[in-house]
Amino acid sequence: MYAGSIAIIVFSNILYQIAQKSMPARINPFTALLTAYLTAALLTMILLFIFKPEEGVAQSFKMIHWQSLALGSAIVGLEFGFLMAYRSGWNISQCALVSTIIMAVALIIIGLLYYKEVFTLSKIFGMALCILGLVFINR
């Protein structure tokens, strides 16, 4: 699943960016998002019953913590942010790249400070290249 999970992420992210960029401007963003979430909820419900938790579906809901609520909030922010970015004129070739580079640099810092991850010379070099790339992309 190591490589397979990355393939799922890449395919889903490409589909996501194309769907967001292609969203008609006349559609209210929250109507579009609600439709997306209802589709996601239905698909998730089907998958939950296909890949049943060992402890059972009902019992698995008793283990829900704040992280699921935070994830839901983050998803709304991501969806709305990308939709508005594309509507305001960002190119599909730049929007995801710029936001991902900024996020990667921020996550390196968060990983170092909060998760005690190892901060190597190669990470410093990679971060510098990301920042340099941002300068070139936005020129």
C-alpha atoms as a PDB file:
ATOM      1  CA  MET A   1       0.000   0.000   0.000  1.00  0.00           C
ATOM      2  CA  TYR A   2       3.063   2.279   0.294  1.00  0.00           C
ATOM      3  CA  ALA A   3       3.163   3.151  -3.433  1.00  0.00           C
ATOM      4  CA  GLY A   4      -0.535   2.481  -3.948  1.00  0.00           C
ATOM      5  CA  SER A   5      -1.540   5.110  -1.422  1.00  0.00           C
ATOM      6  CA  ILE A   6       0.547   7.732  -3.260  1.00  0.00           C
ATOM      7  CA  ALA A   7      -1.072   6.694  -6.557  1.00  0.00           C
ATOM      8  CA  ILE A   8      -4.526   7.193  -4.990  1.00  0.00           C
ATOM      9  CA  ILE A   9      -3.477  10.619  -3.686  1.00  0.00           C
ATOM     10  CA  VAL A  10      -2.064  11.716  -7.052  1.00  0.00           C
ATOM     11  CA  PHE A  11      -5.065  10.480  -9.064  1.00  0.00           C
ATOM     12  CA  SER A  12      -7.551  11.964  -6.600  1.00  0.00           C
ATOM     13  CA  ASN A  13      -5.682  15.264  -6.440  1.00  0.00           C
ATOM     14  CA  ILE A  14      -5.639  15.557 -10.243  1.00  0.00           C
ATOM     15  CA  LEU A  15      -9.382  14.820 -10.388  1.00  0.00           C
ATOM     16  CA  TYR A  16      -9.938  17.279  -7.521  1.00  0.00           C
ATOM     17  CA  GLN A  17      -8.030  20.129  -9.202  1.00  0.00           C
ATOM     18  CA  ILE A  18      -9.743  19.564 -12.567  1.00  0.00           C
ATOM     19  CA  ALA A  19     -13.185  19.467 -10.911  1.00  0.00           C
ATOM     20  CA  GLN A  20     -12.472  22.637  -8.915  1.00  0.00           C
ATOM     21  CA  LYS A  21     -11.041  24.529 -11.916  1.00  0.00           C
ATOM     22  CA  SER A  22     -13.981  23.438 -14.118  1.00  0.00           C
ATOM     23  CA  MET A  23     -16.701  24.410 -11.615  1.00  0.00           C
ATOM     24  CA  PRO A  24     -19.079  26.885 -13.298  1.00  0.00           C
ATOM     25  CA  ALA A  25     -18.809  30.366 -11.761  1.00  0.00           C
ATOM     26  CA  ARG A  26     -22.590  30.765 -11.625  1.00  0.00           C
ATOM     27  CA  ILE A  27     -22.939  27.935  -9.071  1.00  0.00           C
ATOM     28  CA  ASN A  28     -22.996  29.105  -5.457  1.00  0.00           C
ATOM     29  CA  PRO A  29     -19.791  27.745  -3.888  1.00  0.00           C
ATOM     30  CA  PHE A  30     -21.613  26.317  -0.885  1.00  0.00           C
ATOM     31  CA  THR A  31     -24.177  24.539  -3.072  1.00  0.00           C
ATOM     32  CA  ALA A  32     -21.301  22.986  -4.988  1.00  0.00           C
ATOM     33  CA  LEU A  33     -19.540  22.014  -1.771  1.00  0.00           C
ATOM     34  CA  LEU A  34     -22.676  20.529  -0.207  1.00  0.00           C
ATOM     35  CA  THR A  35     -23.215  18.406  -3.316  1.00  0.00           C
ATOM     36  CA  ALA A  36     -19.587  17.266  -3.138  1.00  0.00           C
ATOM     37  CA  TYR A  37     -19.910  16.407   0.558  1.00  0.00           C
ATOM     38  CA  LEU A  38     -23.152  14.488   0.042  1.00  0.00           C
ATOM     39  CA  THR A  39     -21.437  12.498  -2.713  1.00  0.00           C
ATOM     40  CA  ALA A  40     -18.432  11.911  -0.435  1.00  0.00           C
ATOM     41  CA  ALA A  41     -20.693  10.903   2.472  1.00  0.00           C
ATOM     42  CA  LEU A  42     -22.562   8.373   0.336  1.00  0.00           C
ATOM     43  CA  LEU A  43     -19.349   6.897  -1.042  1.00  0.00           C
ATOM     44  CA  THR A  44     -17.813   6.786   2.447  1.00  0.00           C
ATOM     45  CA  MET A  45     -20.903   5.064   3.859  1.00  0.00           C
ATOM     46  CA  ILE A  46     -20.764   2.403   1.142  1.00  0.00           C
ATOM     47  CA  LEU A  47     -17.037   1.847   1.765  1.00  0.00           C
ATOM     48  CA  LEU A  48     -17.596   1.673   5.528  1.00  0.00           C
ATOM     49  CA  PHE A  49     -19.921  -1.276   5.047  1.00  0.00           C
ATOM     50  CA  ILE A  50     -17.587  -2.936   2.537  1.00  0.00           C
ATOM     51  CA  PHE A  51     -14.531  -2.512   4.790  1.00  0.00           C
ATOM     52  CA  LYS A  52     -16.266  -3.074   8.131  1.00  0.00           C
ATOM     53  CA  PRO A  53     -14.306  -2.198  11.265  1.00  0.00           C
ATOM     54  CA  GLU A  54     -13.387  -5.188  13.446  1.00  0.00           C
ATOM     55  CA  GLU A  55     -15.300  -3.703  16.387  1.00  0.00           C
ATOM     56  CA  GLY A  56     -18.394  -3.103  14.259  1.00  0.00           C
ATOM     57  CA  VAL A  57     -19.744   0.023  12.593  1.00  0.00           C
ATOM     58  CA  ALA A  58     -21.751   1.321  15.564  1.00  0.00           C
ATOM     59  CA  GLN A  59     -18.890   0.789  18.008  1.00  0.00           C
ATOM     60  CA  SER A  60     -16.415   2.529  15.699  1.00  0.00           C
ATOM     61  CA  PHE A  61     -18.430   5.763  15.994  1.00  0.00           C
ATOM     62  CA  LYS A  62     -17.892   5.729  19.762  1.00  0.00           C
ATOM     63  CA  MET A  63     -14.170   6.241  19.122  1.00  0.00           C
ATOM     64  CA  ILE A  64     -14.609   9.559  17.292  1.00  0.00           C
ATOM     65  CA  HIS A  65     -12.435  12.377  18.662  1.00  0.00           C
ATOM     66  CA  TRP A  66     -11.933  16.066  17.924  1.00  0.00           C
ATOM     67  CA  GLN A  67      -9.572  15.192  15.051  1.00  0.00           C
ATOM     68  CA  SER A  68     -12.480  14.126  12.845  1.00  0.00           C
ATOM     69  CA  LEU A  69     -14.177  17.476  13.452  1.00  0.00           C
ATOM     70  CA  ALA A  70     -10.915  19.304  12.739  1.00  0.00           C
ATOM     71  CA  LEU A  71     -10.480  17.285   9.538  1.00  0.00           C
ATOM     72  CA  GLY A  72     -13.997  18.175   8.404  1.00  0.00           C
ATOM     73  CA  SER A  73     -13.317  21.843   9.082  1.00  0.00           C
ATOM     74  CA  ALA A  74     -10.026  21.665   7.193  1.00  0.00           C
ATOM     75  CA  ILE A  75     -11.746  20.031   4.217  1.00  0.00           C
ATOM     76  CA  VAL A  76     -14.285  22.868   4.022  1.00  0.00           C
ATOM     77  CA  GLY A  77     -11.439  25.395   4.125  1.00  0.00           C
ATOM     78  CA  LEU A  78      -9.499  23.575   1.420  1.00  0.00           C
ATOM     79  CA  GLU A  79     -12.484  23.193  -0.866  1.00  0.00           C
ATOM     80  CA  PHE A  80     -13.631  26.780  -0.483  1.00  0.00           C
ATOM     81  CA  GLY A  81     -10.080  28.121  -0.776  1.00  0.00           C
ATOM     82  CA  PHE A  82      -9.319  26.298  -4.021  1.00  0.00           C
ATOM     83  CA  LEU A  83     -12.705  27.153  -5.516  1.00  0.00           C
ATOM     84  CA  MET A  84     -12.197  30.844  -4.755  1.00  0.00           C
ATOM     85  CA  ALA A  85      -8.574  30.747  -5.945  1.00  0.00           C
ATOM     86  CA  TYR A  86      -9.623  29.377  -9.329  1.00  0.00           C
ATOM     87  CA  ARG A  87     -12.523  31.806  -9.588  1.00  0.00           C
ATOM     88  CA  SER A  88     -10.150  34.683  -8.857  1.00  0.00           C
ATOM     89  CA  GLY A  89      -7.893  33.686 -11.748  1.00  0.00           C
ATOM     90  CA  TRP A  90      -5.246  31.272 -10.512  1.00  0.00           C
ATOM     91  CA  ASN A  91      -3.941  28.888 -13.181  1.00  0.00           C
ATOM     92  CA  ILE A  92      -4.417  25.171 -12.563  1.00  0.00           C
ATOM     93  CA  SER A  93      -0.696  24.664 -13.211  1.00  0.00           C
ATOM     94  CA  GLN A  94       0.293  27.081 -10.444  1.00  0.00           C
ATOM     95  CA  CYS A  95      -2.374  27.140  -7.733  1.00  0.00           C
ATOM     96  CA  ALA A  96      -1.879  23.649  -6.319  1.00  0.00           C
ATOM     97  CA  LEU A  97       1.886  23.877  -6.735  1.00  0.00           C
ATOM     98  CA  VAL A  98       2.233  27.192  -4.911  1.00  0.00           C
ATOM     99  CA  SER A  99      -0.051  26.133  -2.064  1.00  0.00           C
ATOM    100  CA  THR A 100       1.687  22.745  -1.744  1.00  0.00           C
ATOM    101  CA  ILE A 101       5.152  24.293  -1.607  1.00  0.00           C
ATOM    102  CA  ILE A 102       4.090  26.761   1.082  1.00  0.00           C
ATOM    103  CA  MET A 103       2.400  23.948   2.991  1.00  0.00           C
ATOM    104  CA  ALA A 104       5.491  21.708   2.694  1.00  0.00           C
ATOM    105  CA  VAL A 105       7.751  24.393   4.142  1.00  0.00           C
ATOM    106  CA  ALA A 106       5.281  25.014   6.980  1.00  0.00           C
ATOM    107  CA  LEU A 107       4.995  21.268   7.700  1.00  0.00           C
ATOM    108  CA  ILE A 108       8.766  20.903   7.889  1.00  0.00           C
ATOM    109  CA  ILE A 109       8.783  23.570  10.592  1.00  0.00           C
ATOM    110  CA  ILE A 110       5.769  22.011  12.370  1.00  0.00           C
ATOM    111  CA  GLY A 111       7.379  18.571  12.157  1.00  0.00           C
ATOM    112  CA  LEU A 112      10.538  19.930  13.702  1.00  0.00           C
ATOM    113  CA  LEU A 113       8.893  21.904  16.499  1.00  0.00           C
ATOM    114  CA  TYR A 114       5.916  19.730  17.479  1.00  0.00           C
ATOM    115  CA  TYR A 115       6.722  16.198  16.318  1.00  0.00           C
ATOM    116  CA  LYS A 116      10.472  16.235  17.020  1.00  0.00           C
ATOM    117  CA  GLU A 117      11.279  15.107  13.474  1.00  0.00           C
ATOM    118  CA  VAL A 118      14.894  15.201  12.379  1.00  0.00           C
ATOM    119  CA  PHE A 119      15.866  18.392  10.586  1.00  0.00           C
ATOM    120  CA  THR A 120      18.701  17.483   8.211  1.00  0.00           C
ATOM    121  CA  LEU A 121      20.828  19.518   5.868  1.00  0.00           C
ATOM    122  CA  SER A 122      18.933  18.015   2.935  1.00  0.00           C
ATOM    123  CA  LYS A 123      15.621  19.307   4.385  1.00  0.00           C
ATOM    124  CA  ILE A 124      17.098  22.778   4.737  1.00  0.00           C
ATOM    125  CA  PHE A 125      18.339  22.594   1.141  1.00  0.00           C
ATOM    126  CA  GLY A 126      14.978  21.276  -0.072  1.00  0.00           C
ATOM    127  CA  MET A 127      13.131  24.028   1.764  1.00  0.00           C
ATOM    128  CA  ALA A 128      15.418  26.634   0.198  1.00  0.00           C
ATOM    129  CA  LEU A 129      14.748  25.178  -3.258  1.00  0.00           C
ATOM    130  CA  CYS A 130      10.996  25.287  -2.607  1.00  0.00           C
ATOM    131  CA  ILE A 131      11.168  28.937  -1.612  1.00  0.00           C
ATOM    132  CA  LEU A 132      13.356  29.700  -4.651  1.00  0.00           C
ATOM    133  CA  GLY A 133      10.846  27.854  -6.818  1.00  0.00           C
ATOM    134  CA  LEU A 134       8.040  30.015  -5.429  1.00  0.00           C
ATOM    135  CA  VAL A 135       9.981  33.124  -6.420  1.00  0.00           C
ATOM    136  CA  PHE A 136      10.422  31.847  -9.993  1.00  0.00           C
ATOM    137  CA  ILE A 137       6.841  30.585 -10.349  1.00  0.00           C
ATOM    138  CA  ASN A 138       5.360  33.904  -9.284  1.00  0.00           C
ATOM    139  CA  ARG A 139       7.556  36.123 -11.483  1.00  0.00           C
END
